Structures are given as C-alpha cells and as structure tokens.
C-alpha cells in the first residue's frame, strides 16, 4: 500500500473538523415573481418538524436541525454529511406583507413565499387636468426601497 500525504492530510483535517460547533451553511435562492418573493433553501435530510421560521419586525429567521443517526461503536470510513444547526436571517424591507408569509418543505427544499405589500405594488395614478374635471390615467413609476431590493440577504 502506498502512502498518500494529501489523503492523510484530508483525513486528519476531517477528523479535527468533524465535531466543530457552530452553524452550518444553508444555500438559498431568492427571486421575485410578480407579486411575491420566493426563497428556496436547500435542507436535505432535515426533519420538517425541526424547521422553525419566524418574523420579528422586518427580520425573517429560518432555523433547522439535522441529526445523523449512526450505530454506536461503528468505524466511519467517510463522513461528509454535516449534522447540527442551520440558521439564515434576512432583513425584509418595508415593501413586503409579513402577515402573508407562507412556507412549504418538499424533497429537501424549503420554499418560503413572501408577498409584496399592497402599497409597494405598481398602481395607476389619476391625473386631473386643470382645464377639465375629467381624470387622465397615467402609469405610476415605482421608486426607492419599496420596489426592488425589498428583501436583503
């Protein structure tokens, strides 16, 4: 059998980092689709009962816990799947409806739907001419923090 220093270094580093405390990475995508923001977070192997989502003011917090089962006394050959706590926090802007947030967990993916508030949606503004009392319709232009960027990662 041949000695491979890189494999040995990888093995030692893995053993040292295996039981490291702290939070794990929760990869996610976030996009806007019409009147909703959609957040999709990868949480494979997570028990849906361990997922906790809460909103405090404009702060959305997602917590989850993964526990890996293993028989006592087994000798691990490779252990790459991480166990532990997962946490992700997002600052929601003023243009979202925090009361209407909904979540679904399916096939290891957590999907959170965040509706845009009524006041942040594009709307028509009536323009009254000074010469007549007949309103003229115009399209409103959305500006500032209520439009794009209402959710920050």
N, C-alpha and C. Protein backbone atom coordinates (compact mmCIF):
# COMPACT_ATOMS: atom_id res chain seq x y z
N UNK A 1 0.84 -1.17 0.00
CA UNK A 1 0.00 0.00 0.00
C UNK A 1 0.89 1.24 0.00
N UNK A 2 0.54 2.21 -0.80
CA UNK A 2 1.33 3.42 -0.98
C UNK A 2 0.82 4.54 -0.07
N UNK A 3 1.74 5.31 0.52
CA UNK A 3 1.39 6.42 1.39
C UNK A 3 1.06 7.65 0.54
N UNK A 4 -0.10 8.24 0.79
CA UNK A 4 -0.53 9.45 0.07
C UNK A 4 -0.66 10.57 1.10
N UNK A 5 0.29 11.55 1.10
CA UNK A 5 0.25 12.60 2.12
C UNK A 5 -0.99 13.49 2.03
N UNK A 6 -1.53 13.69 0.82
CA UNK A 6 -2.72 14.53 0.68
C UNK A 6 -3.96 13.86 1.27
N UNK A 7 -4.06 12.56 1.04
CA UNK A 7 -5.19 11.82 1.61
C UNK A 7 -5.09 11.79 3.13
N UNK A 8 -3.89 11.65 3.65
CA UNK A 8 -3.69 11.63 5.10
C UNK A 8 -4.02 12.99 5.70
N UNK A 9 -3.60 14.08 5.01
CA UNK A 9 -3.92 15.42 5.48
C UNK A 9 -5.42 15.65 5.47
N UNK A 10 -6.10 15.19 4.43
CA UNK A 10 -7.55 15.31 4.34
C UNK A 10 -8.24 14.54 5.46
N UNK A 11 -7.73 13.37 5.76
CA UNK A 11 -8.30 12.55 6.83
C UNK A 11 -8.14 13.22 8.19
N UNK A 12 -6.95 13.77 8.46
CA UNK A 12 -6.69 14.43 9.74
C UNK A 12 -7.54 15.70 9.86
N UNK A 13 -7.61 16.49 8.79
CA UNK A 13 -8.42 17.71 8.83
C UNK A 13 -9.89 17.36 9.05
N UNK A 14 -10.36 16.31 8.39
CA UNK A 14 -11.74 15.88 8.57
C UNK A 14 -12.04 15.46 9.99
N UNK A 15 -11.09 14.74 10.60
CA UNK A 15 -11.27 14.30 11.98
C UNK A 15 -11.29 15.48 12.95
N UNK A 16 -10.47 16.49 12.68
CA UNK A 16 -10.44 17.66 13.55
C UNK A 16 -11.69 18.52 13.42
N UNK A 17 -12.21 18.61 12.22
CA UNK A 17 -13.35 19.48 11.97
C UNK A 17 -14.70 18.77 12.10
N UNK A 18 -14.67 17.45 12.29
CA UNK A 18 -15.91 16.67 12.31
C UNK A 18 -16.89 17.13 13.36
N UNK A 19 -16.42 17.41 14.54
CA UNK A 19 -17.32 17.78 15.64
C UNK A 19 -17.28 19.27 15.95
N UNK A 20 -17.00 20.07 14.94
CA UNK A 20 -16.90 21.51 15.18
C UNK A 20 -18.28 22.08 15.52
N UNK A 21 -18.31 22.95 16.52
CA UNK A 21 -19.59 23.59 16.86
C UNK A 21 -19.88 24.72 15.89
N UNK A 22 -21.07 25.23 15.97
CA UNK A 22 -21.42 26.38 15.15
C UNK A 22 -22.51 26.07 14.16
N UNK A 23 -22.81 27.06 13.35
CA UNK A 23 -23.91 26.96 12.41
C UNK A 23 -23.42 26.46 11.06
N UNK A 24 -24.29 25.77 10.36
CA UNK A 24 -23.97 25.22 9.04
C UNK A 24 -24.53 26.11 7.94
N UNK A 25 -24.01 25.91 6.75
CA UNK A 25 -24.45 26.69 5.59
C UNK A 25 -25.81 26.20 5.11
N UNK A 26 -26.66 27.16 4.76
CA UNK A 26 -27.97 26.86 4.20
C UNK A 26 -28.04 27.58 2.85
N UNK A 27 -27.63 26.92 1.75
CA UNK A 27 -27.67 27.60 0.46
C UNK A 27 -29.11 27.93 0.07
N UNK A 28 -29.27 29.11 -0.54
CA UNK A 28 -30.63 29.53 -0.90
C UNK A 28 -30.62 30.36 -2.18
N UNK A 29 -31.78 30.42 -2.80
CA UNK A 29 -32.05 31.29 -3.95
C UNK A 29 -33.20 32.20 -3.54
N UNK A 30 -33.17 33.42 -4.05
CA UNK A 30 -34.24 34.37 -3.76
C UNK A 30 -34.53 35.15 -5.03
N UNK A 31 -35.80 35.18 -5.42
CA UNK A 31 -36.19 35.91 -6.62
C UNK A 31 -37.60 36.46 -6.46
N UNK A 32 -37.94 37.43 -7.32
CA UNK A 32 -39.28 38.00 -7.30
C UNK A 32 -40.03 37.48 -8.51
N UNK A 33 -41.25 37.01 -8.29
CA UNK A 33 -42.14 36.54 -9.34
C UNK A 33 -43.46 37.29 -9.19
N UNK A 34 -43.65 38.32 -9.98
CA UNK A 34 -44.85 39.16 -9.95
C UNK A 34 -45.03 39.80 -8.58
N UNK A 35 -46.02 39.37 -7.82
CA UNK A 35 -46.35 39.99 -6.53
C UNK A 35 -45.83 39.21 -5.33
N UNK A 36 -44.82 38.36 -5.53
CA UNK A 36 -44.26 37.57 -4.43
C UNK A 36 -42.74 37.45 -4.58
N UNK A 37 -42.08 37.38 -3.44
CA UNK A 37 -40.68 36.95 -3.41
C UNK A 37 -40.71 35.47 -3.09
N UNK A 38 -39.85 34.70 -3.72
CA UNK A 38 -39.76 33.26 -3.47
C UNK A 38 -38.34 32.96 -2.97
N UNK A 39 -38.26 32.37 -1.79
CA UNK A 39 -37.00 31.95 -1.21
C UNK A 39 -36.98 30.43 -1.23
N UNK A 40 -35.94 29.84 -1.81
CA UNK A 40 -35.78 28.39 -1.82
C UNK A 40 -34.46 28.05 -1.14
N UNK A 41 -34.52 27.27 -0.07
CA UNK A 41 -33.33 26.91 0.70
C UNK A 41 -33.16 25.39 0.68
N UNK A 42 -31.94 24.94 0.42
CA UNK A 42 -31.63 23.52 0.42
C UNK A 42 -31.41 23.04 1.85
N UNK A 43 -32.25 22.10 2.27
CA UNK A 43 -32.14 21.49 3.60
C UNK A 43 -32.35 19.98 3.49
N UNK A 44 -31.51 19.28 2.72
CA UNK A 44 -31.72 17.84 2.55
C UNK A 44 -31.50 17.08 3.86
N UNK A 45 -32.32 16.10 4.08
CA UNK A 45 -32.19 15.25 5.26
C UNK A 45 -32.66 15.88 6.55
N UNK A 46 -33.34 17.00 6.46
CA UNK A 46 -33.83 17.70 7.65
C UNK A 46 -35.25 17.21 7.95
N UNK A 47 -35.52 16.92 9.21
CA UNK A 47 -36.86 16.59 9.64
C UNK A 47 -37.69 17.87 9.59
N UNK A 48 -38.80 17.90 8.85
CA UNK A 48 -39.61 19.12 8.76
C UNK A 48 -40.04 19.67 10.12
N UNK A 49 -40.16 18.79 11.10
CA UNK A 49 -40.53 19.24 12.44
C UNK A 49 -39.45 20.06 13.13
N UNK A 50 -38.21 19.97 12.64
CA UNK A 50 -37.12 20.73 13.26
C UNK A 50 -36.93 22.11 12.63
N UNK A 51 -37.69 22.40 11.55
CA UNK A 51 -37.57 23.69 10.88
C UNK A 51 -38.44 24.72 11.60
N UNK A 52 -37.84 25.87 11.89
CA UNK A 52 -38.55 26.94 12.57
C UNK A 52 -38.36 28.23 11.78
N UNK A 53 -39.45 28.87 11.42
CA UNK A 53 -39.41 30.13 10.69
C UNK A 53 -40.17 31.17 11.50
N UNK A 54 -39.54 32.31 11.77
CA UNK A 54 -40.27 33.36 12.47
C UNK A 54 -39.90 34.73 11.91
N UNK A 55 -40.80 35.67 12.14
CA UNK A 55 -40.61 37.05 11.71
C UNK A 55 -40.70 37.92 12.96
N UNK A 56 -39.67 38.73 13.17
CA UNK A 56 -39.65 39.69 14.27
C UNK A 56 -39.42 41.06 13.66
N UNK A 57 -40.48 41.83 13.56
CA UNK A 57 -40.38 43.11 12.86
C UNK A 57 -40.14 42.85 11.39
N UNK A 58 -39.00 43.26 10.88
CA UNK A 58 -38.66 43.04 9.47
C UNK A 58 -37.55 42.00 9.32
N UNK A 59 -37.28 41.21 10.35
CA UNK A 59 -36.24 40.18 10.32
C UNK A 59 -36.86 38.79 10.21
N UNK A 60 -36.58 38.10 9.10
CA UNK A 60 -37.04 36.73 8.88
C UNK A 60 -35.92 35.79 9.28
N UNK A 61 -36.20 34.85 10.17
CA UNK A 61 -35.19 33.90 10.64
C UNK A 61 -35.65 32.48 10.34
N UNK A 62 -34.74 31.71 9.72
CA UNK A 62 -35.00 30.30 9.43
C UNK A 62 -33.97 29.48 10.21
N UNK A 63 -34.47 28.55 11.03
CA UNK A 63 -33.61 27.64 11.80
C UNK A 63 -33.99 26.21 11.47
N UNK A 64 -32.99 25.35 11.46
CA UNK A 64 -33.25 23.92 11.23
C UNK A 64 -32.17 23.12 11.93
N UNK A 65 -32.47 21.86 12.18
CA UNK A 65 -31.54 20.97 12.88
C UNK A 65 -31.47 19.64 12.13
N UNK A 66 -30.26 19.20 11.86
CA UNK A 66 -30.07 17.88 11.24
C UNK A 66 -29.32 16.99 12.22
N UNK A 67 -29.90 15.82 12.49
CA UNK A 67 -29.28 14.83 13.35
C UNK A 67 -29.01 13.59 12.51
N UNK A 68 -27.74 13.21 12.45
CA UNK A 68 -27.39 12.00 11.70
C UNK A 68 -27.38 10.81 12.64
N UNK A 69 -27.99 9.75 12.19
CA UNK A 69 -28.04 8.55 13.00
C UNK A 69 -26.87 7.64 12.65
N UNK A 70 -26.29 7.05 13.64
CA UNK A 70 -25.20 6.10 13.42
C UNK A 70 -25.16 5.13 14.58
N UNK A 71 -24.83 3.91 14.28
CA UNK A 71 -24.77 2.90 15.33
C UNK A 71 -23.57 3.17 16.22
N UNK A 72 -23.72 2.85 17.51
CA UNK A 72 -22.63 3.02 18.47
C UNK A 72 -21.48 2.08 18.11
N UNK A 73 -20.30 2.62 18.22
CA UNK A 73 -19.11 1.78 18.02
C UNK A 73 -18.75 1.51 16.57
N UNK A 74 -19.42 2.13 15.61
CA UNK A 74 -19.07 1.89 14.21
C UNK A 74 -17.80 2.67 13.88
N UNK A 75 -17.07 2.19 12.89
CA UNK A 75 -15.87 2.88 12.42
C UNK A 75 -16.22 3.56 11.11
N UNK A 76 -16.28 4.89 11.13
CA UNK A 76 -16.61 5.65 9.94
C UNK A 76 -15.46 5.60 8.95
N UNK A 77 -15.76 5.30 7.71
CA UNK A 77 -14.76 5.35 6.64
C UNK A 77 -14.77 6.72 5.99
N UNK A 78 -15.96 7.26 5.80
CA UNK A 78 -16.13 8.61 5.29
C UNK A 78 -17.39 9.18 5.92
N UNK A 79 -17.29 10.42 6.37
CA UNK A 79 -18.46 11.08 6.95
C UNK A 79 -18.45 12.53 6.50
N UNK A 80 -19.12 12.80 5.39
CA UNK A 80 -19.12 14.13 4.79
C UNK A 80 -20.40 14.90 5.05
N UNK A 81 -21.47 14.20 5.39
CA UNK A 81 -22.73 14.87 5.66
C UNK A 81 -22.65 15.54 7.03
N UNK A 82 -23.00 16.82 7.08
CA UNK A 82 -22.90 17.57 8.32
C UNK A 82 -24.18 17.46 9.14
N UNK A 83 -24.01 17.38 10.42
CA UNK A 83 -25.15 17.46 11.32
C UNK A 83 -25.01 18.75 12.12
N UNK A 84 -26.07 19.14 12.76
CA UNK A 84 -26.01 20.34 13.57
C UNK A 84 -27.09 21.33 13.21
N UNK A 85 -26.88 22.57 13.61
CA UNK A 85 -27.87 23.63 13.42
C UNK A 85 -27.59 24.43 12.16
N UNK A 86 -28.67 24.83 11.52
CA UNK A 86 -28.61 25.68 10.33
C UNK A 86 -29.38 26.95 10.66
N UNK A 87 -28.87 28.11 10.23
CA UNK A 87 -29.53 29.38 10.51
C UNK A 87 -29.33 30.32 9.33
N UNK A 88 -30.39 31.01 8.96
CA UNK A 88 -30.32 32.03 7.91
C UNK A 88 -31.25 33.15 8.31
N UNK A 89 -30.78 34.39 8.24
CA UNK A 89 -31.60 35.55 8.57
C UNK A 89 -31.62 36.50 7.38
N UNK A 90 -32.79 37.07 7.14
CA UNK A 90 -32.97 38.02 6.04
C UNK A 90 -33.65 39.27 6.58
N UNK A 91 -33.16 40.41 6.15
CA UNK A 91 -33.79 41.67 6.50
C UNK A 91 -34.83 41.98 5.44
N UNK A 92 -36.10 41.97 5.83
CA UNK A 92 -37.19 42.27 4.90
C UNK A 92 -37.39 43.77 4.85
N UNK A 93 -37.52 44.30 3.67
CA UNK A 93 -37.75 45.74 3.51
C UNK A 93 -39.17 46.09 3.88
N UNK A 94 -39.51 47.34 3.74
CA UNK A 94 -40.85 47.83 4.08
C UNK A 94 -41.90 47.42 3.05
N UNK A 95 -41.49 46.93 1.89
CA UNK A 95 -42.42 46.63 0.82
C UNK A 95 -42.98 45.23 0.81
N UNK A 96 -42.91 44.50 1.93
CA UNK A 96 -43.44 43.13 1.97
C UNK A 96 -44.54 43.01 3.02
N UNK A 97 -45.40 42.03 2.80
CA UNK A 97 -46.52 41.75 3.71
C UNK A 97 -46.09 40.61 4.64
N UNK A 98 -45.58 40.95 5.81
CA UNK A 98 -45.08 39.92 6.73
C UNK A 98 -46.19 39.01 7.26
N UNK A 99 -47.43 39.48 7.25
CA UNK A 99 -48.56 38.67 7.72
C UNK A 99 -48.90 37.54 6.74
N UNK A 100 -48.56 37.70 5.47
CA UNK A 100 -48.93 36.72 4.45
C UNK A 100 -47.85 35.73 4.09
N UNK A 101 -46.76 35.66 4.85
CA UNK A 101 -45.65 34.74 4.53
C UNK A 101 -46.12 33.31 4.74
N UNK A 102 -45.79 32.44 3.77
CA UNK A 102 -46.16 31.02 3.84
C UNK A 102 -44.92 30.19 3.50
N UNK A 103 -44.86 28.95 4.03
CA UNK A 103 -43.71 28.09 3.80
C UNK A 103 -44.15 26.66 3.48
N UNK A 104 -43.31 25.98 2.70
CA UNK A 104 -43.57 24.59 2.32
C UNK A 104 -42.23 23.86 2.25
N UNK A 105 -42.17 22.64 2.75
CA UNK A 105 -40.96 21.82 2.71
C UNK A 105 -41.25 20.56 1.90
N UNK A 106 -40.51 20.39 0.81
CA UNK A 106 -40.76 19.24 -0.06
C UNK A 106 -39.45 18.81 -0.71
N UNK A 107 -39.16 17.51 -0.65
CA UNK A 107 -37.98 16.92 -1.27
C UNK A 107 -36.68 17.61 -0.87
N UNK A 108 -36.57 17.98 0.40
CA UNK A 108 -35.34 18.59 0.90
C UNK A 108 -35.19 20.07 0.60
N UNK A 109 -36.23 20.69 0.05
CA UNK A 109 -36.16 22.12 -0.28
C UNK A 109 -37.26 22.85 0.48
N UNK A 110 -36.85 23.88 1.22
CA UNK A 110 -37.79 24.74 1.93
C UNK A 110 -38.11 25.91 1.02
N UNK A 111 -39.38 26.12 0.71
CA UNK A 111 -39.82 27.24 -0.13
C UNK A 111 -40.64 28.19 0.73
N UNK A 112 -40.22 29.43 0.78
CA UNK A 112 -40.91 30.46 1.56
C UNK A 112 -41.43 31.50 0.57
N UNK A 113 -42.72 31.76 0.61
CA UNK A 113 -43.35 32.75 -0.26
C UNK A 113 -43.61 34.01 0.56
N UNK A 114 -43.07 35.13 0.09
CA UNK A 114 -43.18 36.40 0.80
C UNK A 114 -43.93 37.37 -0.11
N UNK A 115 -45.19 37.67 0.20
CA UNK A 115 -45.97 38.56 -0.67
C UNK A 115 -45.50 40.01 -0.59
N UNK A 116 -45.61 40.70 -1.70
CA UNK A 116 -45.34 42.14 -1.75
C UNK A 116 -46.56 42.85 -1.18
N UNK A 117 -46.35 43.87 -0.37
CA UNK A 117 -47.48 44.59 0.24
C UNK A 117 -48.23 45.37 -0.83
N UNK A 118 -49.48 45.66 -0.56
CA UNK A 118 -50.33 46.39 -1.49
C UNK A 118 -49.74 47.76 -1.85
N UNK A 119 -49.18 48.42 -0.86
CA UNK A 119 -48.66 49.77 -1.13
C UNK A 119 -47.39 49.76 -1.96
N UNK A 120 -46.71 48.61 -2.08
CA UNK A 120 -45.48 48.52 -2.87
C UNK A 120 -45.74 48.06 -4.30
N UNK A 121 -46.98 47.65 -4.60
CA UNK A 121 -47.30 47.18 -5.95
C UNK A 121 -47.50 48.37 -6.89
N UNK A 122 -47.11 48.20 -8.15
CA UNK A 122 -47.36 49.28 -9.12
C UNK A 122 -48.86 49.55 -9.23
N UNK A 123 -49.22 50.80 -9.40
CA UNK A 123 -50.63 51.15 -9.50
C UNK A 123 -50.79 52.35 -10.43
N UNK A 124 -52.01 52.58 -10.87
CA UNK A 124 -52.34 53.70 -11.73
C UNK A 124 -52.65 54.91 -10.86
N UNK A 125 -52.20 56.08 -11.30
CA UNK A 125 -52.47 57.34 -10.62
C UNK A 125 -53.31 58.20 -11.56
N UNK A 126 -54.41 58.68 -11.05
CA UNK A 126 -55.26 59.56 -11.86
C UNK A 126 -54.70 60.96 -11.85
N UNK A 127 -54.65 61.57 -13.01
CA UNK A 127 -54.20 62.95 -13.14
C UNK A 127 -55.40 63.79 -13.53
N UNK A 128 -55.68 64.83 -12.77
CA UNK A 128 -56.79 65.72 -13.06
C UNK A 128 -56.20 66.95 -13.76
N UNK A 129 -56.73 67.23 -14.92
CA UNK A 129 -56.29 68.39 -15.69
C UNK A 129 -56.87 69.65 -15.07
N UNK A 130 -56.09 70.74 -15.07
CA UNK A 130 -56.56 72.00 -14.52
C UNK A 130 -57.66 72.61 -15.37
N UNK A 131 -57.75 72.22 -16.64
CA UNK A 131 -58.73 72.80 -17.55
C UNK A 131 -60.06 72.05 -17.52
N UNK A 132 -60.01 70.78 -17.16
CA UNK A 132 -61.25 70.00 -17.13
C UNK A 132 -61.29 69.16 -15.87
N UNK A 133 -62.44 68.68 -15.54
CA UNK A 133 -62.57 67.82 -14.36
C UNK A 133 -62.50 66.35 -14.71
N UNK A 134 -62.13 66.04 -15.98
CA UNK A 134 -62.01 64.65 -16.41
C UNK A 134 -60.63 64.11 -16.05
N UNK A 135 -60.58 62.99 -15.27
CA UNK A 135 -59.28 62.41 -14.91
C UNK A 135 -58.59 61.80 -16.14
N UNK A 136 -57.28 61.91 -16.18
CA UNK A 136 -56.45 61.30 -17.22
C UNK A 136 -55.60 60.26 -16.53
N UNK A 137 -55.58 59.01 -17.07
CA UNK A 137 -54.81 57.93 -16.44
C UNK A 137 -53.35 57.99 -16.84
N UNK A 138 -52.48 57.64 -15.92
CA UNK A 138 -51.04 57.57 -16.15
C UNK A 138 -50.50 56.40 -15.36
N UNK A 139 -49.39 55.84 -15.79
CA UNK A 139 -48.78 54.73 -15.08
C UNK A 139 -47.81 55.27 -14.04
N UNK A 140 -47.93 54.78 -12.82
CA UNK A 140 -47.04 55.21 -11.76
C UNK A 140 -45.69 54.53 -11.91
N UNK A 141 -44.66 55.22 -11.52
CA UNK A 141 -43.32 54.65 -11.53
C UNK A 141 -42.97 54.33 -10.10
N UNK A 142 -42.56 53.08 -9.88
CA UNK A 142 -42.23 52.64 -8.54
C UNK A 142 -40.82 53.10 -8.22
N UNK A 143 -40.57 53.55 -7.00
CA UNK A 143 -39.25 54.06 -6.68
C UNK A 143 -38.77 53.56 -5.35
N UNK A 144 -37.46 53.72 -5.15
CA UNK A 144 -36.84 53.53 -3.84
C UNK A 144 -36.87 52.14 -3.29
N UNK A 145 -36.90 52.08 -1.96
CA UNK A 145 -36.75 50.81 -1.25
C UNK A 145 -37.99 49.93 -1.32
N UNK A 146 -39.12 50.49 -1.69
CA UNK A 146 -40.32 49.67 -1.74
C UNK A 146 -40.36 48.78 -2.98
N UNK A 147 -39.66 49.15 -3.98
CA UNK A 147 -39.67 48.37 -5.24
C UNK A 147 -38.65 47.26 -5.15
N UNK A 148 -37.63 47.36 -5.95
CA UNK A 148 -36.60 46.35 -5.96
C UNK A 148 -35.80 46.43 -4.69
N UNK A 149 -35.27 45.31 -4.25
CA UNK A 149 -34.45 45.29 -3.06
C UNK A 149 -35.24 45.29 -1.78
N UNK A 150 -36.49 44.90 -1.81
CA UNK A 150 -37.29 44.88 -0.60
C UNK A 150 -36.87 43.76 0.34
N UNK A 151 -36.16 42.76 -0.18
CA UNK A 151 -35.65 41.67 0.65
C UNK A 151 -34.15 41.64 0.48
N UNK A 152 -33.43 41.68 1.59
CA UNK A 152 -31.97 41.63 1.53
C UNK A 152 -31.47 40.40 2.24
N UNK A 153 -30.54 39.69 1.61
CA UNK A 153 -29.94 38.51 2.24
C UNK A 153 -28.82 38.92 3.16
